[in-house]
Amino acid sequence: MRRSRFAQAGFIVLFVAGCASSGTSAPATIPASALPSPTAVTSATPAATPGASPSSSPSPSPSPTVLTTSNGWRRVPDQTALAGVQTLLVVWTGERFVAAGTLDDGTVGIIDSTDGQTWHSQAGFGSDSRINGLSVGQAGVLAVGSQGNKARSWFSSDGLAWTAAPASAATSAAKGHTVRMNAAAATGSGWLAVGEEDVACTIDCGSSTAVRADVWASSDGLHWTVQPGGDALAKSAMTGIVRGGPGYVAVGGAPDAKPTNPGHAVIWTSSNGTAWTRVPDAPIFHATGGINSGLQVSASAIATDGSHLVAVGEGASQDLTTAVAWWSDDGRTWQRATGERFPTGQLFQVSSVPDGFLAVGPSGQDSCLGGIWSSPDGKAWSCIAADPAFDEVSDVDAAASATLELVVGYDDNGGASVLWTRPVP
């Protein structure tokens, strides 16, 4: 069984978190950021060869050999753009797929494709930077994450040319702490981002590192204002957010005091993105009902199709994991979903697709081999990646156009990107 390589100190908070679909509820009023304009903003433009388009030159023609699974997934042929980056996140912008991951030197890499088959490499985001979430809105694409011990964001109107947010007090950490953005969602007037502040720790870190969940608002994805949040955000972390339910719904986790029940999932709601309320705690958010009591349960991502809200996560310890999912019609009342081959599995991300939802996470032979589950409404999940072709591959995120589903991940042996596509069923 494969363990998550993205598990953080404290409760299980994933390096890949966020990237949730936007809901369809009425727009909420979000205060615009009032920070001054930066004196210098870093712009990361796509690398290109002479005569190439704004996106970098495409990889050489893919190999004609195509691997197809019993569920209709076709492996995207190996190519230069995929060999240089370990893909962790992906979104569909309406015109192209944009994927983010880690380059061989540890920095952020961005690749893009209009058809899901031929991919282009873009310029990286500089040293010590990480992208934890990608989100699409009417204005463009927003990447959120961190750089050093500070939260950071990058905005692109087309998914090709990027502008980095300036450093500011709103995204800086207190002394001895780290702060990062984990996910974002488009609003009627800009963006909301969610994340966490932790005590800086590099070894033998426990759940006490959690300081608070953080929420930021921005009109342009670059200038941010910290939202007050209140007591509901204390000693917890937000890892996903979506526009839906009563306005917005966020998910994450919080530590428990009992060693036998080290952490539980948390869900928050907000009508305006400023004031947040925790959904009342319940056994379904803890290691109960068939989940080993020693596992630390957390929610990692959330999505909506406009009618249903779906959250996914996992229960985890050093030696054991289990996939967990929840569903709700209103964001306030939740039930735990059932899932084929959930035990020993992991769920990192969930995405709304034309025929329902896809949930993804590296899981292995003793669970859903390729770690891809499908559900029409988020209430019951079926493994759709049991084919031997998925062996030694970790799939970690999914997106879809109107006609094509795409799953991104990496080879467990070499770390190179592995991508799969299939026509929307």
Protein backbone atom coordinates (compact mmCIF):
# COMPACT_ATOMS: atom_id res chain seq x y z
CA MET A 1 0.00 0.00 0.00
CA ARG A 2 1.31 3.47 -0.86
CA ARG A 3 1.37 6.13 1.81
CA SER A 4 0.80 9.78 1.00
CA ARG A 5 4.02 11.60 0.29
CA PHE A 6 2.21 14.86 1.02
CA ALA A 7 1.16 14.21 4.65
CA GLN A 8 2.11 17.23 6.74
CA ALA A 9 3.04 17.43 10.40
CA GLY A 10 0.09 17.67 12.75
CA PHE A 11 -3.19 16.31 11.39
CA ILE A 12 -3.22 14.96 7.85
CA VAL A 13 -3.21 18.07 5.70
CA LEU A 14 -2.29 17.47 2.10
CA PHE A 15 0.16 19.36 -0.08
CA VAL A 16 -2.42 18.90 -2.80
CA ALA A 17 -5.57 20.42 -1.52
CA GLY A 18 -8.33 22.61 -2.83
CA CYS A 19 -9.10 22.81 -6.54
CA ALA A 20 -12.85 22.56 -6.07
CA SER A 21 -15.52 23.34 -8.58
CA SER A 22 -17.52 26.54 -8.23
CA GLY A 23 -21.11 26.24 -7.11
CA THR A 24 -24.13 27.88 -8.62
CA SER A 25 -25.60 29.69 -5.64
CA ALA A 26 -26.31 33.41 -5.71
CA PRO A 27 -23.24 35.65 -5.49
CA ALA A 28 -22.19 36.70 -2.01
CA THR A 29 -20.67 40.05 -1.15
CA ILE A 30 -16.94 39.81 -0.51
CA PRO A 31 -15.02 42.91 0.58
CA ALA A 32 -12.35 43.85 -1.96
CA SER A 33 -8.75 43.91 -0.84
CA ALA A 34 -7.46 47.35 0.08
CA LEU A 35 -3.74 46.67 0.00
CA PRO A 36 -1.59 49.12 -2.01
CA SER A 37 -0.34 48.21 -5.45
CA PRO A 38 3.04 46.48 -5.47
CA THR A 39 6.13 48.31 -6.56
CA ALA A 40 7.33 45.18 -8.33
CA VAL A 41 5.42 42.08 -9.30
CA THR A 42 7.14 39.00 -10.59
CA SER A 43 5.71 37.75 -13.85
CA ALA A 44 6.31 34.18 -14.91
CA THR A 45 5.92 33.93 -18.66
CA PRO A 46 5.80 30.61 -20.50
CA ALA A 47 9.11 29.39 -21.85
CA ALA A 48 9.12 29.36 -25.64
CA THR A 49 11.41 28.61 -28.51
CA PRO A 50 11.86 31.14 -31.33
CA GLY A 51 8.69 31.45 -33.36
CA ALA A 52 6.62 29.54 -30.81
CA SER A 53 3.23 30.61 -29.47
CA PRO A 54 2.95 32.23 -25.98
CA SER A 55 2.81 28.73 -24.53
CA SER A 56 6.08 26.88 -24.93
CA SER A 57 6.71 24.71 -27.95
CA PRO A 58 4.92 21.37 -27.78
CA SER A 59 6.66 18.16 -26.95
CA PRO A 60 7.77 15.93 -29.84
CA SER A 61 5.03 13.86 -31.47
CA PRO A 62 3.72 11.29 -28.97
CA SER A 63 4.45 7.64 -29.43
CA PRO A 64 1.72 5.81 -31.38
CA THR A 65 1.49 3.15 -28.65
CA VAL A 66 -1.53 3.89 -26.46
CA LEU A 67 -2.41 1.96 -23.32
CA THR A 68 -6.16 1.57 -22.78
CA THR A 69 -7.79 0.16 -19.63
CA SER A 70 -10.96 -1.84 -19.23
CA ASN A 71 -12.80 1.28 -17.98
CA GLY A 72 -11.91 3.25 -21.08
CA TRP A 73 -8.98 5.22 -19.65
CA ARG A 74 -6.23 5.89 -22.19
CA ARG A 75 -2.77 6.74 -20.97
CA VAL A 76 -1.45 9.96 -22.48
CA PRO A 77 1.72 9.11 -24.44
CA ASP A 78 5.06 9.97 -22.82
CA GLN A 79 6.52 13.28 -24.00
CA THR A 80 9.09 15.84 -22.94
CA ALA A 81 6.68 18.11 -21.06
CA LEU A 82 5.49 15.22 -18.87
CA ALA A 83 8.95 13.86 -18.10
CA GLY A 84 10.07 17.06 -16.42
CA VAL A 85 7.25 17.55 -13.91
CA GLN A 86 5.43 15.45 -11.33
CA THR A 87 1.82 16.58 -11.87
CA LEU A 88 -0.30 17.08 -8.75
CA LEU A 89 -3.16 19.42 -9.72
CA VAL A 90 -5.26 20.08 -12.82
CA VAL A 91 -8.18 22.30 -13.91
CA TRP A 92 -10.12 22.91 -17.11
CA THR A 93 -10.31 26.63 -17.94
CA GLY A 94 -12.91 26.37 -20.69
CA GLU A 95 -10.18 26.50 -23.33
CA ARG A 96 -7.37 24.31 -22.01
CA PHE A 97 -6.25 22.01 -19.23
CA VAL A 98 -3.71 23.58 -16.87
CA ALA A 99 -1.74 21.29 -14.57
CA ALA A 100 0.72 22.12 -11.81
CA GLY A 101 3.32 20.03 -10.09
CA THR A 102 6.91 19.74 -8.98
CA LEU A 103 9.94 19.95 -11.23
CA ASP A 104 13.04 17.82 -10.75
CA ASP A 105 14.74 20.69 -8.91
CA GLY A 106 11.84 20.93 -6.43
CA THR A 107 10.32 24.13 -7.84
CA VAL A 108 6.82 24.53 -9.29
CA GLY A 109 6.17 23.44 -12.85
CA ILE A 110 3.15 24.32 -15.03
CA ILE A 111 2.03 22.48 -18.16
CA ASP A 112 -0.97 23.06 -20.41
CA SER A 113 -2.91 21.31 -23.17
CA THR A 114 -5.96 22.11 -25.28
CA ASP A 115 -6.75 18.47 -26.03
CA GLY A 116 -5.35 16.54 -23.05
CA GLN A 117 -2.91 14.70 -25.32
CA THR A 118 -0.14 17.09 -26.35
CA TRP A 119 1.33 19.13 -23.49
CA HIS A 120 3.46 22.28 -23.31
CA SER A 121 5.85 23.34 -20.56
CA GLN A 122 5.72 26.77 -19.01
CA ALA A 123 8.24 28.69 -16.92
CA GLY A 124 8.40 27.80 -13.23
CA PHE A 125 7.44 29.97 -10.27
CA GLY A 126 10.85 30.39 -8.65
CA SER A 127 12.63 28.77 -5.75
CA ASP A 128 10.94 27.66 -2.52
CA SER A 129 7.45 28.00 -4.03
CA ARG A 130 4.61 25.48 -3.84
CA ILE A 131 1.17 25.37 -5.40
CA ASN A 132 -1.45 23.71 -3.23
CA GLY A 133 -4.56 24.61 -5.21
CA LEU A 134 -5.80 25.71 -8.63
CA SER A 135 -9.14 27.42 -9.18
CA VAL A 136 -10.96 28.75 -12.25
CA GLY A 137 -13.23 31.78 -12.34
CA GLN A 138 -14.61 34.19 -14.93
CA ALA A 139 -11.49 36.35 -14.65
CA GLY A 140 -9.01 33.52 -15.18
CA VAL A 141 -7.01 30.96 -13.23
CA LEU A 142 -5.71 31.33 -9.69
CA ALA A 143 -2.90 29.27 -8.16
CA VAL A 144 -2.45 29.42 -4.39
CA GLY A 145 0.20 28.00 -2.11
CA SER A 146 3.28 29.28 -0.36
CA GLN A 147 6.76 30.61 -0.84
CA GLY A 148 9.04 30.02 2.11
CA ASN A 149 7.01 30.51 5.28
CA LYS A 150 4.54 32.92 3.63
CA ALA A 151 1.30 32.37 1.73
CA ARG A 152 1.51 33.22 -1.98
CA SER A 153 -0.74 33.36 -5.02
CA TRP A 154 -0.26 33.60 -8.78
CA PHE A 155 -2.91 34.79 -11.24
CA SER A 156 -3.33 34.22 -14.98
CA SER A 157 -6.09 35.46 -17.24
CA ASP A 158 -5.51 32.61 -19.72
CA GLY A 159 -3.55 29.90 -17.89
CA LEU A 160 -0.42 30.75 -19.88
CA ALA A 161 1.16 33.93 -18.49
CA TRP A 162 1.27 34.34 -14.70
CA THR A 163 1.69 37.24 -12.28
CA ALA A 164 2.87 36.63 -8.73
CA ALA A 165 1.22 38.39 -5.80
CA PRO A 166 3.38 40.88 -3.92
CA ALA A 167 4.50 40.17 -0.39
CA SER A 168 2.19 41.68 2.20
CA ALA A 169 1.35 41.59 5.86
CA ALA A 170 -1.85 39.69 5.08
CA THR A 171 0.09 36.70 3.72
CA SER A 172 3.01 36.78 6.17
CA ALA A 173 3.46 34.50 9.17
CA ALA A 174 4.00 35.49 12.77
CA LYS A 175 7.46 34.84 14.17
CA GLY A 176 8.05 31.11 14.54
CA HIS A 177 5.02 30.26 12.41
CA THR A 178 4.32 29.33 8.79
CA VAL A 179 1.25 30.25 6.77
CA ARG A 180 0.01 28.90 3.46
CA MET A 181 -2.98 28.98 1.16
CA ASN A 182 -4.39 25.54 0.37
CA ALA A 183 -7.35 26.19 -1.94
CA ALA A 184 -9.40 28.96 -3.54
CA ALA A 185 -12.81 29.62 -5.03
CA ALA A 186 -14.10 32.34 -7.32
CA THR A 187 -16.74 34.68 -5.91
CA GLY A 188 -19.05 37.19 -7.51
CA SER A 189 -16.46 39.92 -7.02
CA GLY A 190 -13.10 38.17 -6.86
CA TRP A 191 -11.68 35.25 -4.91
CA LEU A 192 -11.65 33.56 -1.53
CA ALA A 193 -8.64 31.53 -0.44
CA VAL A 194 -8.37 29.24 2.56
CA GLY A 195 -5.38 27.79 4.35
CA GLU A 196 -3.69 27.56 7.69
CA GLU A 197 -1.16 28.96 10.12
CA ASP A 198 1.08 26.44 11.89
CA VAL A 199 3.93 26.49 14.35
CA ALA A 200 7.10 26.07 12.31
CA CYS A 201 8.30 22.50 12.73
CA THR A 202 10.55 20.15 10.79
CA ILE A 203 10.90 17.00 12.90
CA ASP A 204 8.71 15.06 15.36
CA CYS A 205 5.85 17.47 14.74
CA GLY A 206 2.60 16.73 16.49
CA SER A 207 -0.95 17.97 16.10
CA SER A 208 -0.16 20.89 18.41
CA THR A 209 1.41 22.68 15.42
CA ALA A 210 -2.04 23.82 14.26
CA VAL A 211 -2.64 27.45 15.18
CA ARG A 212 -5.68 28.43 13.12
CA ALA A 213 -7.38 28.16 9.78
CA ASP A 214 -7.09 31.27 7.63
CA VAL A 215 -9.43 32.85 5.08
CA TRP A 216 -8.40 35.60 2.67
CA ALA A 217 -10.45 37.72 0.23
CA SER A 218 -9.20 39.43 -2.93
CA SER A 219 -10.72 41.30 -5.86
CA ASP A 220 -7.92 40.31 -8.25
CA GLY A 221 -6.21 37.21 -6.83
CA LEU A 222 -3.07 39.21 -6.02
CA HIS A 223 -3.92 41.64 -3.20
CA TRP A 224 -5.38 39.91 -0.15
CA THR A 225 -7.20 40.82 3.05
CA VAL A 226 -7.37 38.37 5.96
CA GLN A 227 -10.93 37.71 7.06
CA PRO A 228 -11.59 37.77 10.82
CA GLY A 229 -13.11 34.29 10.96
CA GLY A 230 -13.55 34.15 14.73
CA ASP A 231 -13.25 31.25 17.16
CA ALA A 232 -14.56 28.79 14.57
CA LEU A 233 -11.14 28.85 12.89
CA ALA A 234 -9.02 28.20 15.98
CA LYS A 235 -6.69 25.16 16.14
CA SER A 236 -7.67 23.85 12.73
CA ALA A 237 -6.76 24.02 9.04
CA MET A 238 -8.86 24.61 5.93
CA THR A 239 -7.86 22.56 2.90
CA GLY A 240 -10.76 23.07 0.47
CA ILE A 241 -13.47 25.58 -0.35
CA VAL A 242 -16.38 25.76 -2.78
CA ARG A 243 -19.10 28.25 -3.60
CA GLY A 244 -22.35 26.53 -2.71
CA GLY A 245 -24.76 25.68 0.09
CA PRO A 246 -25.56 28.78 2.17
CA GLY A 247 -22.88 30.75 0.29
CA TYR A 248 -19.53 29.02 0.79
CA VAL A 249 -18.47 25.74 2.34
CA ALA A 250 -14.94 24.90 3.47
CA VAL A 251 -13.42 21.64 4.70
CA GLY A 252 -10.35 20.63 6.67
CA GLY A 253 -9.37 19.09 9.96
CA ALA A 254 -8.58 19.70 13.60
CA PRO A 255 -6.57 17.78 16.20
CA ASP A 256 -8.22 15.98 19.10
CA ALA A 257 -6.80 15.83 22.59
CA LYS A 258 -7.24 12.07 22.91
CA PRO A 259 -4.28 10.00 21.67
CA THR A 260 -6.69 7.24 20.62
CA ASN A 261 -8.61 9.65 18.38
CA PRO A 262 -5.92 12.05 17.13
CA GLY A 263 -7.91 14.23 14.73
CA HIS A 264 -11.25 14.74 13.01
CA ALA A 265 -12.66 16.31 9.88
CA VAL A 266 -14.20 19.77 10.11
CA ILE A 267 -16.67 21.50 7.78
CA TRP A 268 -17.45 25.22 7.90
CA THR A 269 -20.16 27.32 6.25
CA SER A 270 -20.39 31.04 5.53
CA SER A 271 -23.01 33.20 3.85
CA ASN A 272 -20.52 35.92 2.87
CA GLY A 273 -17.00 34.49 3.13
CA THR A 274 -16.23 36.64 6.16
CA ALA A 275 -18.00 35.08 9.14
CA TRP A 276 -17.61 31.30 9.43
CA THR A 277 -19.50 28.70 11.44
CA ARG A 278 -18.44 25.12 12.09
CA VAL A 279 -20.90 22.43 11.16
CA PRO A 280 -21.72 20.71 14.48
CA ASP A 281 -19.28 17.93 15.25
CA ALA A 282 -20.62 14.41 14.78
CA PRO A 283 -19.32 10.81 14.83
CA ILE A 284 -19.21 10.74 11.01
CA PHE A 285 -16.29 13.19 11.12
CA HIS A 286 -14.27 10.94 13.43
CA ALA A 287 -12.70 7.49 13.23
CA THR A 288 -15.96 5.62 13.83
CA GLY A 289 -18.32 3.47 11.80
CA GLY A 290 -15.80 1.01 10.42
CA ILE A 291 -12.76 3.31 10.60
CA ASN A 292 -9.93 2.28 12.94
CA SER A 293 -10.16 4.43 16.09
CA GLY A 294 -6.45 5.24 15.94
CA LEU A 295 -6.71 6.98 12.57
CA GLN A 296 -6.62 10.73 12.15
CA VAL A 297 -9.56 11.76 9.97
CA SER A 298 -9.46 14.90 7.83
CA ALA A 299 -11.28 16.30 4.82
CA SER A 300 -9.02 17.39 1.98
CA ALA A 301 -11.26 18.76 -0.79
CA ILE A 302 -14.83 19.70 -1.68
CA ALA A 303 -16.80 20.11 -4.90
CA THR A 304 -20.37 20.77 -6.00
CA ASP A 305 -22.48 20.13 -9.08
CA GLY A 306 -24.95 22.82 -8.04
CA SER A 307 -27.26 20.33 -6.33
CA HIS A 308 -24.99 18.19 -4.18
CA LEU A 309 -21.92 19.06 -2.11
CA VAL A 310 -19.28 16.35 -1.86
CA ALA A 311 -16.24 16.29 0.44
CA VAL A 312 -13.45 13.71 0.45
CA GLY A 313 -10.55 12.90 2.71
CA GLU A 314 -8.94 10.08 4.61
CA GLY A 315 -8.25 8.49 7.93
CA ALA A 316 -4.53 7.99 8.33
CA SER A 317 -1.73 6.92 10.64
CA GLN A 318 1.89 6.05 9.95
CA ASP A 319 0.93 2.56 8.75
CA LEU A 320 -2.72 2.62 7.70
CA THR A 321 -5.12 4.70 5.62
CA THR A 322 -8.75 4.59 4.58
CA ALA A 323 -10.60 6.77 2.09
CA VAL A 324 -13.54 8.75 3.49
CA ALA A 325 -16.24 10.80 1.74
CA TRP A 326 -19.26 12.82 2.82
CA TRP A 327 -22.23 14.39 1.02
CA SER A 328 -24.78 17.11 1.67
CA ASP A 329 -27.63 18.83 -0.13
CA ASP A 330 -27.35 22.13 1.77
CA GLY A 331 -23.83 22.32 3.25
CA ARG A 332 -25.15 22.24 6.83
CA THR A 333 -26.30 18.63 7.22
CA TRP A 334 -23.86 15.90 6.18
CA GLN A 335 -23.83 12.15 5.82
CA ARG A 336 -20.94 9.77 5.26
CA ALA A 337 -20.84 8.19 1.82
CA THR A 338 -20.20 4.55 1.03
CA GLY A 339 -17.33 3.52 -1.19
CA GLU A 340 -16.19 0.40 -2.99
CA ARG A 341 -12.63 -0.48 -1.87
CA PHE A 342 -12.34 2.52 0.45
CA PRO A 343 -10.36 0.63 3.16
CA THR A 344 -6.60 1.27 2.79
CA GLY A 345 -7.34 3.87 0.10
CA GLN A 346 -6.71 7.61 0.02
CA LEU A 347 -8.67 10.53 -1.40
CA PHE A 348 -6.86 13.79 -2.13
CA GLN A 349 -9.20 15.58 -4.53
CA VAL A 350 -12.77 15.58 -5.81
CA SER A 351 -14.04 17.21 -9.00
CA SER A 352 -17.44 17.82 -10.53
CA VAL A 353 -17.60 16.29 -14.02
CA PRO A 354 -20.45 16.16 -16.57
CA ASP A 355 -21.77 12.81 -15.32
CA GLY A 356 -21.28 13.37 -11.58
CA PHE A 357 -18.07 13.39 -9.57
CA LEU A 358 -14.56 11.93 -9.76
CA ALA A 359 -12.55 11.44 -6.55
CA VAL A 360 -8.85 10.66 -6.75
CA GLY A 361 -5.97 9.63 -4.50
CA PRO A 362 -3.04 7.16 -4.53
CA SER A 363 -4.31 3.88 -3.14
CA GLY A 364 -2.54 0.73 -4.35
CA GLN A 365 -3.26 -2.93 -4.97
CA ASP A 366 -5.10 -3.58 -1.72
CA SER A 367 -7.61 -0.81 -2.46
CA CYS A 368 -8.70 0.82 -5.75
CA LEU A 369 -5.45 0.24 -7.65
CA GLY A 370 -5.40 3.48 -9.65
CA GLY A 371 -7.17 5.49 -6.98
CA ILE A 372 -10.03 6.79 -9.17
CA TRP A 373 -13.61 6.59 -7.93
CA SER A 374 -16.82 7.72 -9.64
CA SER A 375 -20.21 8.71 -8.25
CA PRO A 376 -23.30 10.28 -9.85
CA ASP A 377 -24.17 12.24 -6.68
CA GLY A 378 -21.42 11.66 -4.09
CA LYS A 379 -23.49 9.25 -2.00
CA ALA A 380 -21.99 5.95 -3.20
CA TRP A 381 -18.63 5.54 -4.94
CA SER A 382 -17.38 2.91 -7.40
CA CYS A 383 -13.74 2.14 -8.14
CA ILE A 384 -13.08 2.72 -11.85
CA ALA A 385 -9.33 2.15 -11.85
CA ALA A 386 -8.78 -1.51 -10.94
CA ASP A 387 -7.07 -2.39 -14.22
CA PRO A 388 -3.47 -3.71 -13.93
CA ALA A 389 -2.37 -0.83 -16.16
CA PHE A 390 -2.62 1.42 -13.10
CA ASP A 391 -0.05 -0.56 -11.11
CA GLU A 392 2.75 1.59 -9.64
CA VAL A 393 0.98 4.78 -10.64
CA SER A 394 -0.33 7.38 -8.17
CA ASP A 395 -3.29 9.40 -9.46
CA VAL A 396 -3.96 12.58 -7.49
CA ASP A 397 -6.36 14.96 -9.28
CA ALA A 398 -8.98 15.12 -12.02
CA ALA A 399 -10.72 17.65 -14.25
CA ALA A 400 -13.09 17.49 -17.19
CA SER A 401 -14.19 19.46 -20.22
CA ALA A 402 -17.64 18.91 -21.70
CA THR A 403 -16.34 15.88 -23.60
CA LEU A 404 -13.15 14.63 -21.90
CA GLU A 405 -12.18 13.51 -18.40
CA LEU A 406 -8.53 13.86 -17.40
CA VAL A 407 -6.69 12.39 -14.40
CA VAL A 408 -3.16 13.43 -13.48
CA GLY A 409 -0.57 11.69 -11.36
CA TYR A 410 2.93 10.28 -11.45
CA ASP A 411 4.98 7.12 -11.78
CA ASP A 412 5.85 5.71 -8.34
CA ASN A 413 9.27 4.60 -9.51
CA GLY A 414 10.62 7.63 -11.32
CA GLY A 415 8.21 10.41 -10.42
CA ALA A 416 7.48 11.37 -14.03
CA SER A 417 3.94 12.50 -14.85
CA VAL A 418 1.34 9.91 -15.81
CA LEU A 419 -1.91 11.22 -17.30
CA TRP A 420 -5.11 9.41 -18.32
CA THR A 421 -8.06 10.53 -20.44
CA ARG A 422 -11.39 9.07 -21.39
CA PRO A 423 -14.48 10.42 -23.16
CA VAL A 424 -17.16 11.65 -20.79
CA PRO A 425 -19.45 8.63 -20.33
